[in-house]
C-alpha atoms as a PDB file:
ATOM      1  CA  MET A   1       0.000   0.000   0.000  1.00  0.00           C
ATOM      2  CA  ILE A   2       1.096   3.584  -0.652  1.00  0.00           C
ATOM      3  CA  ARG A   3       0.701   5.938   2.291  1.00  0.00           C
ATOM      4  CA  ILE A   4       0.480   9.633   1.432  1.00  0.00           C
ATOM      5  CA  LEU A   5       1.947  11.984   4.011  1.00  0.00           C
ATOM      6  CA  THR A   6       1.690  15.768   4.080  1.00  0.00           C
ATOM      7  CA  ASP A   7       1.857  18.650   6.526  1.00  0.00           C
ATOM      8  CA  SER A   8      -0.865  20.901   7.875  1.00  0.00           C
ATOM      9  CA  ALA A   9       0.228  23.817   5.688  1.00  0.00           C
ATOM     10  CA  SER A  10      -1.811  21.981   3.038  1.00  0.00           C
ATOM     11  CA  ASP A  11      -4.855  23.025   5.105  1.00  0.00           C
ATOM     12  CA  ILE A  12      -6.328  19.541   4.889  1.00  0.00           C
ATOM     13  CA  LEU A  13      -8.198  19.151   8.158  1.00  0.00           C
ATOM     14  CA  PRO A  14      -8.488  15.779   9.974  1.00  0.00           C
ATOM     15  CA  ALA A  15     -11.966  14.873   8.678  1.00  0.00           C
ATOM     16  CA  GLU A  16     -10.965  15.433   5.051  1.00  0.00           C
ATOM     17  CA  ALA A  17      -7.636  13.687   5.577  1.00  0.00           C
ATOM     18  CA  GLU A  18      -9.474  10.571   6.721  1.00  0.00           C
ATOM     19  CA  GLN A  19     -11.790  10.776   3.712  1.00  0.00           C
ATOM     20  CA  LEU A  20      -8.844  11.117   1.315  1.00  0.00           C
ATOM     21  CA  GLY A  21      -6.769   8.453   3.041  1.00  0.00           C
ATOM     22  CA  VAL A  22      -3.817  10.720   3.826  1.00  0.00           C
ATOM     23  CA  THR A  23      -1.895  11.494   7.005  1.00  0.00           C
ATOM     24  CA  VAL A  24      -1.293  15.101   8.007  1.00  0.00           C
ATOM     25  CA  ILE A  25       1.579  16.044  10.321  1.00  0.00           C
ATOM     26  CA  PRO A  26       0.725  19.288  12.151  1.00  0.00           C
ATOM     27  CA  LEU A  27       2.939  22.346  12.181  1.00  0.00           C
ATOM     28  CA  ASN A  28       2.822  24.467  15.319  1.00  0.00           C
ATOM     29  CA  VAL A  29       1.611  27.966  16.143  1.00  0.00           C
ATOM     30  CA  THR A  30       2.881  29.677  19.299  1.00  0.00           C
ATOM     31  CA  LEU A  31       0.678  32.450  20.683  1.00  0.00           C
ATOM     32  CA  GLU A  32       2.029  35.534  22.443  1.00  0.00           C
ATOM     33  CA  ASP A  33       1.335  33.975  25.858  1.00  0.00           C
ATOM     34  CA  GLY A  34       3.459  30.935  24.970  1.00  0.00           C
ATOM     35  CA  THR A  35       0.562  28.576  24.233  1.00  0.00           C
ATOM     36  CA  VAL A  36       1.485  26.118  21.467  1.00  0.00           C
ATOM     37  CA  LEU A  37      -1.282  25.043  19.087  1.00  0.00           C
ATOM     38  CA  ARG A  38      -1.099  22.079  16.746  1.00  0.00           C
ATOM     39  CA  ASP A  39      -2.307  23.420  13.415  1.00  0.00           C
ATOM     40  CA  GLY A  40      -5.685  22.001  12.422  1.00  0.00           C
ATOM     41  CA  ILE A  41      -6.112  20.096  15.696  1.00  0.00           C
ATOM     42  CA  ASP A  42      -6.234  22.281  18.797  1.00  0.00           C
ATOM     43  CA  MET A  43      -8.295  25.170  17.414  1.00  0.00           C
ATOM     44  CA  THR A  44     -10.564  25.608  14.395  1.00  0.00           C
ATOM     45  CA  PRO A  45      -9.436  28.178  11.831  1.00  0.00           C
ATOM     46  CA  SER A  46     -12.420  30.410  12.657  1.00  0.00           C
ATOM     47  CA  GLU A  47     -11.567  30.362  16.350  1.00  0.00           C
ATOM     48  CA  TYR A  48      -7.968  31.145  15.513  1.00  0.00           C
ATOM     49  CA  TYR A  49      -8.786  34.176  13.344  1.00  0.00           C
ATOM     50  CA  ALA A  50     -10.897  35.611  16.158  1.00  0.00           C
ATOM     51  CA  GLN A  51      -7.858  35.233  18.433  1.00  0.00           C
ATOM     52  CA  LEU A  52      -5.419  36.579  15.827  1.00  0.00           C
ATOM     53  CA  ALA A  53      -7.384  39.817  15.482  1.00  0.00           C
ATOM     54  CA  SER A  54      -6.785  40.595  19.156  1.00  0.00           C
ATOM     55  CA  CYS A  55      -3.091  39.616  19.263  1.00  0.00           C
ATOM     56  CA  ARG A  56      -0.707  42.490  19.955  1.00  0.00           C
ATOM     57  CA  LYS A  57       2.233  40.353  18.832  1.00  0.00           C
ATOM     58  CA  LEU A  58       2.057  38.138  15.752  1.00  0.00           C
ATOM     59  CA  PRO A  59       2.078  34.426  16.685  1.00  0.00           C
ATOM     60  CA  THR A  60       5.047  32.431  15.472  1.00  0.00           C
ATOM     61  CA  THR A  61       4.901  29.261  13.388  1.00  0.00           C
ATOM     62  CA  SER A  62       7.283  26.312  13.472  1.00  0.00           C
ATOM     63  CA  GLN A  63       7.881  22.991  11.756  1.00  0.00           C
ATOM     64  CA  PRO A  64       6.963  19.628  13.321  1.00  0.00           C
ATOM     65  CA  SER A  65       9.424  17.614  15.368  1.00  0.00           C
ATOM     66  CA  PRO A  66      11.343  14.863  13.521  1.00  0.00           C
ATOM     67  CA  GLU A  67       9.919  12.290  15.974  1.00  0.00           C
ATOM     68  CA  LEU A  68       6.463  12.576  14.410  1.00  0.00           C
ATOM     69  CA  PHE A  69       7.885  11.654  11.019  1.00  0.00           C
ATOM     70  CA  GLU A  70      10.079   8.879  12.427  1.00  0.00           C
ATOM     71  CA  LYS A  71       7.086   7.188  14.074  1.00  0.00           C
ATOM     72  CA  PHE A  72       5.100   7.298  10.830  1.00  0.00           C
ATOM     73  CA  TYR A  73       7.960   5.884   8.734  1.00  0.00           C
ATOM     74  CA  LEU A  74       8.591   3.017  11.128  1.00  0.00           C
ATOM     75  CA  GLU A  75       4.904   2.077  11.247  1.00  0.00           C
ATOM     76  CA  ALA A  76       4.737   2.081   7.446  1.00  0.00           C
ATOM     77  CA  ALA A  77       7.911   0.004   7.133  1.00  0.00           C
ATOM     78  CA  ALA A  78       6.601  -2.533   9.667  1.00  0.00           C
ATOM     79  CA  ALA A  79       3.427  -2.902   7.588  1.00  0.00           C
ATOM     80  CA  GLY A  80       5.407  -3.249   4.353  1.00  0.00           C
ATOM     81  CA  ASP A  81       3.955  -0.007   2.984  1.00  0.00           C
ATOM     82  CA  GLU A  82       5.560   2.673   0.838  1.00  0.00           C
ATOM     83  CA  VAL A  83       5.367   6.383   1.706  1.00  0.00           C
ATOM     84  CA  LEU A  84       4.974   9.435  -0.493  1.00  0.00           C
ATOM     85  CA  GLY A  85       5.696  12.668   1.379  1.00  0.00           C
ATOM     86  CA  ILE A  86       4.359  15.923  -0.093  1.00  0.00           C
ATOM     87  CA  PHE A  87       5.376  19.064   1.777  1.00  0.00           C
ATOM     88  CA  LEU A  88       5.265  22.845   1.560  1.00  0.00           C
ATOM     89  CA  SER A  89       8.013  24.703  -0.260  1.00  0.00           C
ATOM     90  CA  HIS A  90      11.441  24.380   1.336  1.00  0.00           C
ATOM     91  CA  GLU A  91      11.867  28.101   0.634  1.00  0.00           C
ATOM     92  CA  LEU A  92       9.139  28.852   3.196  1.00  0.00           C
ATOM     93  CA  SER A  93       9.741  26.213   5.864  1.00  0.00           C
ATOM     94  CA  GLY A  94      12.186  23.573   7.017  1.00  0.00           C
ATOM     95  CA  THR A  95       9.411  20.958   7.190  1.00  0.00           C
ATOM     96  CA  CYS A  96      10.457  19.081   4.037  1.00  0.00           C
ATOM     97  CA  GLN A  97      14.074  18.967   5.197  1.00  0.00           C
ATOM     98  CA  CYS A  98      12.919  17.784   8.626  1.00  0.00           C
ATOM     99  CA  ALA A  99      10.921  14.967   7.010  1.00  0.00           C
ATOM    100  CA  LYS A 100      13.947  13.863   4.978  1.00  0.00           C
ATOM    101  CA  LEU A 101      16.217  13.990   8.020  1.00  0.00           C
ATOM    102  CA  ALA A 102      13.801  11.800   9.961  1.00  0.00           C
ATOM    103  CA  ALA A 103      13.871   9.191   7.184  1.00  0.00           C
ATOM    104  CA  ASP A 104      17.676   9.158   7.354  1.00  0.00           C
ATOM    105  CA  LEU A 105      17.642   8.823  11.134  1.00  0.00           C
ATOM    106  CA  VAL A 106      15.452   5.710  11.089  1.00  0.00           C
ATOM    107  CA  ASN A 107      17.246   4.394   7.985  1.00  0.00           C
ATOM    108  CA  VAL A 108      14.202   3.611   5.843  1.00  0.00           C
ATOM    109  CA  ASP A 109      14.258   3.321   2.058  1.00  0.00           C
ATOM    110  CA  ASN A 110      10.513   3.051   1.420  1.00  0.00           C
ATOM    111  CA  VAL A 111       9.924   6.826   1.209  1.00  0.00           C
ATOM    112  CA  LEU A 112       9.889   9.278  -1.710  1.00  0.00           C
ATOM    113  CA  PHE A 113       9.581  13.026  -1.270  1.00  0.00           C
ATOM    114  CA  VAL A 114       7.973  15.746  -3.363  1.00  0.00           C
ATOM    115  CA  ASP A 115       8.650  19.363  -2.467  1.00  0.00           C
ATOM    116  CA  SER A 116       5.417  20.977  -3.646  1.00  0.00           C
ATOM    117  CA  ALA A 117       7.239  24.307  -4.235  1.00  0.00           C
ATOM    118  CA  ASN A 118       3.905  25.701  -3.079  1.00  0.00           C
ATOM    119  CA  VAL A 119       1.810  26.058   0.049  1.00  0.00           C
ATOM    120  CA  CYS A 120      -1.738  26.159   1.339  1.00  0.00           C
ATOM    121  CA  LEU A 121      -4.329  25.657  -1.430  1.00  0.00           C
ATOM    122  CA  GLY A 122      -1.620  24.777  -3.971  1.00  0.00           C
ATOM    123  CA  GLU A 123       0.017  22.173  -1.764  1.00  0.00           C
ATOM    124  CA  GLY A 124      -3.376  20.669  -0.926  1.00  0.00           C
ATOM    125  CA  LEU A 125      -4.255  20.439  -4.607  1.00  0.00           C
ATOM    126  CA  LEU A 126      -1.073  18.450  -5.274  1.00  0.00           C
ATOM    127  CA  VAL A 127      -1.969  16.089  -2.407  1.00  0.00           C
ATOM    128  CA  ARG A 128      -5.428  15.528  -3.886  1.00  0.00           C
ATOM    129  CA  LEU A 129      -3.878  14.753  -7.265  1.00  0.00           C
ATOM    130  CA  ALA A 130      -1.594  12.218  -5.577  1.00  0.00           C
ATOM    131  CA  VAL A 131      -4.640  10.537  -4.026  1.00  0.00           C
ATOM    132  CA  HIS A 132      -6.298  10.347  -7.452  1.00  0.00           C
ATOM    133  CA  LEU A 133      -3.177   8.819  -9.015  1.00  0.00           C
ATOM    134  CA  ARG A 134      -2.792   6.319  -6.170  1.00  0.00           C
ATOM    135  CA  ASP A 135      -6.428   5.276  -6.475  1.00  0.00           C
ATOM    136  CA  ALA A 136      -5.905   4.880 -10.229  1.00  0.00           C
ATOM    137  CA  GLY A 137      -3.290   2.224  -9.461  1.00  0.00           C
ATOM    138  CA  LYS A 138      -0.079   4.071 -10.252  1.00  0.00           C
ATOM    139  CA  THR A 139       3.144   3.052  -8.525  1.00  0.00           C
ATOM    140  CA  LEU A 140       5.012   5.201  -5.998  1.00  0.00           C
ATOM    141  CA  VAL A 141       7.621   6.236  -8.571  1.00  0.00           C
ATOM    142  CA  GLN A 142       4.979   6.975 -11.199  1.00  0.00           C
ATOM    143  CA  ILE A 143       3.023   9.186  -8.788  1.00  0.00           C
ATOM    144  CA  ALA A 144       6.113  11.109  -7.685  1.00  0.00           C
ATOM    145  CA  THR A 145       7.144  11.608 -11.316  1.00  0.00           C
ATOM    146  CA  ASP A 146       3.683  12.854 -12.292  1.00  0.00           C
ATOM    147  CA  LEU A 147       3.611  15.261  -9.339  1.00  0.00           C
ATOM    148  CA  GLU A 148       7.011  16.713 -10.257  1.00  0.00           C
ATOM    149  CA  HIS A 149       5.603  17.423 -13.708  1.00  0.00           C
ATOM    150  CA  ALA A 150       2.239  18.673 -12.443  1.00  0.00           C
ATOM    151  CA  LYS A 151       3.715  21.160  -9.999  1.00  0.00           C
ATOM    152  CA  GLU A 152       5.246  23.050 -12.946  1.00  0.00           C
ATOM    153  CA  HIS A 153       1.649  23.795 -13.994  1.00  0.00           C
ATOM    154  CA  LEU A 154       0.324  24.507 -10.497  1.00  0.00           C
ATOM    155  CA  HIS A 155      -0.599  28.071  -9.543  1.00  0.00           C
ATOM    156  CA  LEU A 156      -1.796  29.837  -6.412  1.00  0.00           C
ATOM    157  CA  VAL A 157      -3.103  33.381  -6.618  1.00  0.00           C
ATOM    158  CA  ALA A 158      -4.459  35.144  -3.556  1.00  0.00           C
ATOM    159  CA  ALA A 159      -5.706  38.566  -2.564  1.00  0.00           C
ATOM    160  CA  ILE A 160      -4.423  39.799   0.775  1.00  0.00           C
ATOM    161  CA  ASP A 161      -6.338  42.328   2.828  1.00  0.00           C
ATOM    162  CA  ASP A 162      -3.309  43.489   4.809  1.00  0.00           C
ATOM    163  CA  LEU A 163       0.313  42.664   3.972  1.00  0.00           C
ATOM    164  CA  LYS A 164       1.516  43.397   7.523  1.00  0.00           C
ATOM    165  CA  TYR A 165       1.107  39.731   8.469  1.00  0.00           C
ATOM    166  CA  LEU A 166       3.374  38.516   5.671  1.00  0.00           C
ATOM    167  CA  ARG A 167       5.868  41.265   6.429  1.00  0.00           C
ATOM    168  CA  LYS A 168       5.949  40.600  10.190  1.00  0.00           C
ATOM    169  CA  GLY A 169       6.308  36.888   9.569  1.00  0.00           C
ATOM    170  CA  GLY A 170       9.308  37.492   7.321  1.00  0.00           C
ATOM    171  CA  ARG A 171       7.659  35.953   4.237  1.00  0.00           C
ATOM    172  CA  LEU A 172       7.659  39.184   2.258  1.00  0.00           C
ATOM    173  CA  PRO A 173      10.303  41.947   2.075  1.00  0.00           C
ATOM    174  CA  ALA A 174       9.297  45.066   4.007  1.00  0.00           C
ATOM    175  CA  ALA A 175       9.694  47.314   0.956  1.00  0.00           C
ATOM    176  CA  VAL A 176       7.244  45.189  -1.034  1.00  0.00           C
ATOM    177  CA  ALA A 177       4.776  45.187   1.851  1.00  0.00           C
ATOM    178  CA  VAL A 178       4.936  48.980   2.128  1.00  0.00           C
ATOM    179  CA  ALA A 179       4.452  49.383  -1.627  1.00  0.00           C
ATOM    180  CA  GLY A 180       1.354  47.210  -1.478  1.00  0.00           C
ATOM    181  CA  GLY A 181      -0.016  48.809   1.667  1.00  0.00           C
ATOM    182  CA  MET A 182      -1.296  52.066   0.215  1.00  0.00           C
ATOM    183  CA  LEU A 183      -4.782  53.146   1.178  1.00  0.00           C
ATOM    184  CA  GLY A 184      -7.455  51.048  -0.495  1.00  0.00           C
ATOM    185  CA  ILE A 185      -4.983  48.878  -2.380  1.00  0.00           C
ATOM    186  CA  LYS A 186      -5.557  45.111  -2.311  1.00  0.00           C
ATOM    187  CA  PRO A 187      -2.342  43.302  -3.274  1.00  0.00           C
ATOM    188  CA  LEU A 188      -2.273  39.996  -5.121  1.00  0.00           C
ATOM    189  CA  ILE A 189       0.371  37.444  -4.247  1.00  0.00           C
ATOM    190  CA  THR A 190       1.480  34.224  -5.874  1.00  0.00           C
ATOM    191  CA  ILE A 191       4.112  31.558  -5.297  1.00  0.00           C
ATOM    192  CA  LYS A 192       7.058  31.854  -7.673  1.00  0.00           C
ATOM    193  CA  GLU A 193       9.997  29.453  -7.471  1.00  0.00           C
ATOM    194  CA  GLY A 194       8.731  28.390  -4.070  1.00  0.00           C
ATOM    195  CA  LYS A 195       8.644  31.909  -2.621  1.00  0.00           C
ATOM    196  CA  VAL A 196       5.901  34.457  -1.982  1.00  0.00           C
ATOM    197  CA  ALA A 197       5.876  37.095  -4.717  1.00  0.00           C
ATOM    198  CA  MET A 198       3.717  40.066  -5.638  1.00  0.00           C
ATOM    199  CA  ALA A 199       1.441  39.310  -8.581  1.00  0.00           C
ATOM    200  CA  GLY A 200      -0.278  42.668  -8.881  1.00  0.00           C
ATOM    201  CA  LYS A 201      -2.548  45.029  -7.019  1.00  0.00           C
ATOM    202  CA  ALA A 202      -6.012  46.496  -7.317  1.00  0.00           C
ATOM    203  CA  ARG A 203      -8.063  49.241  -5.734  1.00  0.00           C
ATOM    204  CA  GLY A 204     -10.819  47.999  -3.465  1.00  0.00           C
ATOM    205  CA  LEU A 205     -12.404  44.581  -3.119  1.00  0.00           C
ATOM    206  CA  PRO A 206     -14.239  44.508  -6.496  1.00  0.00           C
ATOM    207  CA  GLY A 207     -10.976  45.401  -8.224  1.00  0.00           C
ATOM    208  CA  ALA A 208      -9.206  42.586  -6.401  1.00  0.00           C
ATOM    209  CA  TYR A 209     -11.531  39.990  -7.901  1.00  0.00           C
ATOM    210  CA  VAL A 210     -11.109  41.441 -11.402  1.00  0.00           C
ATOM    211  CA  ALA A 211      -7.322  41.382 -10.985  1.00  0.00           C
ATOM    212  CA  LEU A 212      -7.473  37.824  -9.666  1.00  0.00           C
ATOM    213  CA  PHE A 213      -9.462  36.597 -12.668  1.00  0.00           C
ATOM    214  CA  LYS A 214      -7.114  38.365 -15.106  1.00  0.00           C
ATOM    215  CA  LYS A 215      -4.121  36.784 -13.406  1.00  0.00           C
ATOM    216  CA  ILE A 216      -5.674  33.342 -13.759  1.00  0.00           C
ATOM    217  CA  ASP A 217      -5.876  33.895 -17.533  1.00  0.00           C
ATOM    218  CA  GLU A 218      -2.287  35.180 -17.649  1.00  0.00           C
ATOM    219  CA  LEU A 219      -1.087  32.024 -15.923  1.00  0.00           C
ATOM    220  CA  GLY A 220      -2.637  29.761 -18.558  1.00  0.00           C
ATOM    221  CA  GLY A 221      -6.256  29.439 -17.479  1.00  0.00           C
ATOM    222  CA  VAL A 222      -7.915  26.754 -15.383  1.00  0.00           C
ATOM    223  CA  HIS A 223      -7.556  23.198 -16.709  1.00  0.00           C
ATOM    224  CA  PRO A 224     -11.096  21.768 -16.881  1.00  0.00           C
ATOM    225  CA  ASP A 225      -9.982  18.183 -16.250  1.00  0.00           C
ATOM    226  CA  PHE A 226      -8.247  18.791 -12.906  1.00  0.00           C
ATOM    227  CA  GLU A 227      -9.594  19.974  -9.581  1.00  0.00           C
ATOM    228  CA  ALA A 228      -9.252  23.587  -8.503  1.00  0.00           C
ATOM    229  CA  VAL A 229      -9.709  24.846  -4.968  1.00  0.00           C
ATOM    230  CA  ALA A 230     -10.824  28.242  -3.686  1.00  0.00           C
ATOM    231  CA  GLY A 231      -9.855  29.279  -0.191  1.00  0.00           C
ATOM    232  CA  TYR A 232     -10.701  31.930   2.360  1.00  0.00           C
ATOM    233  CA  SER A 233      -9.365  32.861   5.760  1.00  0.00           C
ATOM    234  CA  SER A 234     -12.081  34.485   7.830  1.00  0.00           C
ATOM    235  CA  SER A 235     -15.265  34.670   5.742  1.00  0.00           C
ATOM    236  CA  LEU A 236     -16.830  32.095   3.420  1.00  0.00           C
ATOM    237  CA  ARG A 237     -18.546  34.840   1.416  1.00  0.00           C
ATOM    238  CA  GLU A 238     -15.135  35.889   0.077  1.00  0.00           C
ATOM    239  CA  VAL A 239     -15.073  32.888  -2.286  1.00  0.00           C
ATOM    240  CA  GLN A 240     -18.591  33.388  -3.674  1.00  0.00           C
ATOM    241  CA  PRO A 241     -17.433  35.649  -6.544  1.00  0.00           C
ATOM    242  CA  ILE A 242     -14.873  32.963  -7.466  1.00  0.00           C
ATOM    243  CA  GLU A 243     -17.594  30.318  -7.537  1.00  0.00           C
ATOM    244  CA  ASN A 244     -19.747  32.599  -9.702  1.00  0.00           C
ATOM    245  CA  TYR A 245     -16.804  33.224 -12.040  1.00  0.00           C
ATOM    246  CA  PHE A 246     -16.375  29.479 -12.578  1.00  0.00           C
ATOM    247  CA  ARG A 247     -20.044  28.943 -13.348  1.00  0.00           C
ATOM    248  CA  ASP A 248     -20.828  32.099 -15.331  1.00  0.00           C
ATOM    249  CA  ASN A 249     -17.555  32.873 -17.107  1.00  0.00           C
ATOM    250  CA  LEU A 250     -15.680  29.590 -17.358  1.00  0.00           C
ATOM    251  CA  HIS A 251     -18.841  27.437 -17.610  1.00  0.00           C
ATOM    252  CA  MET A 252     -17.287  24.953 -15.199  1.00  0.00           C
ATOM    253  CA  ASP A 253     -18.404  23.414 -11.944  1.00  0.00           C
ATOM    254  CA  ALA A 254     -17.526  25.524  -8.915  1.00  0.00           C
ATOM    255  CA  PRO A 255     -14.138  24.734  -7.379  1.00  0.00           C
ATOM    256  CA  LEU A 256     -13.665  22.948  -4.095  1.00  0.00           C
ATOM    257  CA  VAL A 257     -13.789  25.335  -1.148  1.00  0.00           C
ATOM    258  CA  GLN A 258     -11.652  25.162   1.961  1.00  0.00           C
ATOM    259  CA  GLN A 259     -10.720  27.449   4.812  1.00  0.00           C
ATOM    260  CA  ILE A 260      -7.124  28.581   5.128  1.00  0.00           C
ATOM    261  CA  GLY A 261      -5.690  27.134   8.330  1.00  0.00           C
ATOM    262  CA  CYS A 262      -3.864  28.586  11.311  1.00  0.00           C
ATOM    263  CA  VAL A 263      -0.243  28.388  10.117  1.00  0.00           C
ATOM    264  CA  ILE A 264      -0.827  29.930   6.704  1.00  0.00           C
ATOM    265  CA  GLY A 265      -3.493  32.241   8.133  1.00  0.00           C
ATOM    266  CA  THR A 266      -0.923  33.687  10.520  1.00  0.00           C
ATOM    267  CA  HIS A 267       0.980  35.031   7.509  1.00  0.00           C
ATOM    268  CA  ALA A 268      -1.959  35.745   5.169  1.00  0.00           C
ATOM    269  CA  GLY A 269      -4.119  37.342   7.858  1.00  0.00           C
ATOM    270  CA  PRO A 270      -7.906  37.734   8.037  1.00  0.00           C
ATOM    271  CA  GLY A 271      -9.684  38.743   4.837  1.00  0.00           C
ATOM    272  CA  ALA A 272      -7.490  36.723   2.476  1.00  0.00           C
ATOM    273  CA  PHE A 273      -8.945  34.658  -0.371  1.00  0.00           C
ATOM    274  CA  GLY A 274      -7.570  32.921  -3.420  1.00  0.00           C
ATOM    275  CA  LEU A 275      -7.538  30.080  -5.906  1.00  0.00           C
ATOM    276  CA  ALA A 276      -5.186  27.208  -6.666  1.00  0.00           C
ATOM    277  CA  PHE A 277      -5.432  25.518 -10.048  1.00  0.00           C
ATOM    278  CA  PHE A 278      -3.566  23.575 -12.720  1.00  0.00           C
ATOM    279  CA  ASP A 279      -3.182  25.451 -16.002  1.00  0.00           C
ATOM    280  CA  LYS A 280      -4.301  24.155 -19.378  1.00  0.00           C
ATOM    281  CA  GLY A 281      -0.769  23.104 -20.285  1.00  0.00           C
ATOM    282  CA  LEU A 282      -0.819  20.134 -17.898  1.00  0.00           C
ATOM    283  CA  ASP A 283      -0.907  16.749 -19.599  1.00  0.00           C
ATOM    284  CA  LEU A 284      -0.613  13.563 -17.549  1.00  0.00           C
END
C-alpha cells in the first residue's frame, strides 16, 4: 500500500484527511502567551482568526518535530507499505528537510519526497492529485514523477487584505509590503519558485476579484480536467465571486472550497482569499 503523508500547511483538516486516506503532520503555532497550538487540531481556523485579530504580537509558526515523522515511517515500514511525502516549499519552511532527516535517522528506504514548491491551497491540490493517481493504481515512482511534472503547472493566486502579516512573519520583504499597503490597495500574491511574490494590485475589493481573474488567464487558465480549490481565511462569502466566475464565465463546476488554516493564516491574515489551479498546459 502507498501511504500519502503531508503537513498541515496543506490546510487539509483531519476529517478530510481521513476521507482522502492521507496522514497530516501538524505544524505548530505559538501564541504571544506561549501557548502552542497544533495546526488544524487544537483550534478551528475560525476560532484562531478571532484570536489573531486581538493579538498584539504576531504568533510564530514552526515545523513539526522529527519524531512525528520517524514514528510514521517506522509504522509504514513494519506494515510493508511505501510512503509518499508531499510538503510545503522548502523556501518557506524547514518541514520538508525535517521529514527527509527523519527518514535518514530511522534508515528507511521506502519513502519518496515531493517538495510541492507551493503552500496552502496549492500544496493541498497536489496532495489531492496524488490521491487520485494512487487510487488509479499508479506506482510510488509513477506518482512522484507525475507530481514533479504537475507542480510546474500549479498556480496559487491570492488577494491579501493586509500585507503586515506577511511582512511581520518574514515571508515578504518590508519594501514590497509597504508598496502594497497604500490606502485602499488590495495586493495579489502568488508563489514563484517556491517563494511568496507580488502578482499585482487592485483598488478595493471589487478590483481585487477582477485582478485575480485576469491573473488566472495570464497564468494559462484553469484546466477543466483537474480539480481547482478556492480558499478563504475568515469569511466564506469571500469565495462566492470565485464560484460565480467558474459557473458564469468559465462554464465549469464551482471549485472545491476550503478554509485557510492557522499556520498559513498567521501570515496571510484575516480577509485573504484565493484560488489554486492547474493550467491548461498540464498533460498527464
